[in-house]
Amino acid sequence: MKPVEFRRHLHSHPELSFEEHHTAEFIDRELAKLGIPHRMIAGTGVLAWIRGQAKHSDSRAVVLRSEIDALPIREQNTFEWKSQNEGVMHACGHDIHAGVLYGVLQKLQENPSFRGTVLGLFQPGEECNPGGASLVLKENPFEEYDIRAVIGEHVEGQLEVGTLGFRSGKYMAASDELRFTFHGVGGHGAMRHLIKDPVAASAEFLTRLLSLNSEECVVSVGKVEAKGATNVIPDKVYMEGTLRTFDERERKIIHSRIANIAAETDSRFGIRTEIDINHGYPSVVNDEVLVKIAVAQAKAEGRTVEMLPLRTTAEDFGFYCTRYPSLFYRLGVGTAAGRPHTGTFSPDEGAIDVGIDFMYKLTLNILER
């Protein structure tokens, strides 16, 4: 099967996070046809491995990772391989990533005269907590290897096909889900001396919360519920949002500042604030040596290279960065692709061959060092 056909099958049969049963079965069948050994991992993921046949081979290894889950989005494209699962779509390019990985494994299987081992990880559940990467690592699948790199990519509609994007050091944000419940004493809106107003308290809290925003700290609140009326103050208000940071020390400091703001708000208004911070993905931090190797290789191949700014979006690839030298880069899929996470997102499939060629050569480059 050609990588583009592999990608189109996944696109036609998308599945949500941790529900990728058909996807895993399909990957299992196609890897078996190639004679590539593999096993299930993290419930609905697949881990493949190809051992190099070079005489000087050893325990060194490179992990190549792609995601395989889709999003709860109704596809609006009309091409032949559009989603057949109503309300679910590969709108973030995970099908492209998986097609690239499949193509790289194909080439490695056909040309096994390399050093060490290449592990191909088709990872489930990137789109929601706890993140499939954390579940993969709980199984300790790489213990027997000397991991030289964990490599991942992501499609980028701001870059044209043939362009690759890199950033050294911290790149993508750590993410936390924020939930707050403000417990007060409601009552008649005209009898304020008899109430402890959770609406007013939550409004002040929200204003102070948003004041924490800076270049490397992003706080947003997307939901506020105060189920009162024009003249009814409710007993409680519910609020939820997100926190994005790039440094673990700063992350802890912001958590502490949120708790202090809540305590001060409670004291002023006589209410009680319940705080629930769901720790999400860690920051994606790219190994500087791997970035230098990748950039030099891309330029030597005549690829256009873009150096990238910080991104406040998050990726569970960050879990790998906390344990192994890691590299996460961007694969240009053309500006005509549109915006990801929308029903019309349509990456240029020409990027698949670019992605395969670059990842294949980069893998061999790292293994030979």
Foldseek 3Di string as FASTA:
>chain_A
DALVVQLLQLQQEAAAFLGCQVVLVVVVVVCVVLVWDWDDFLNRKIKTKAAADAPPADQEEEEEEAERHWDQAAAPDDDPSHYPDGRTGRQFCSSLQVSLLVLLVSVCSVPRNFHHMYMYIHFGGWPDPPHRVVRRVVVVPSVSGDYLEYEYEGADAVFAFLEKEFAAFFAEWWKKKKKKKKFWAKDWQVPVVPILAQVVLVVVLVVVLCVVDDPFKGKDKDDKDFPADPTIGDRMIMTITMIIGGDPVVVVVSVVVSVVSQVVSCVVRVIHMDIDMGGYAHTDTAHRVLRVLLVVVSVVVVGHYHYDDHHHHDTNCRVVVVPHRYTYMYGYQYNVQDDGPHSSRDGHSSSSVVSNVSVSVSRSVSSVD
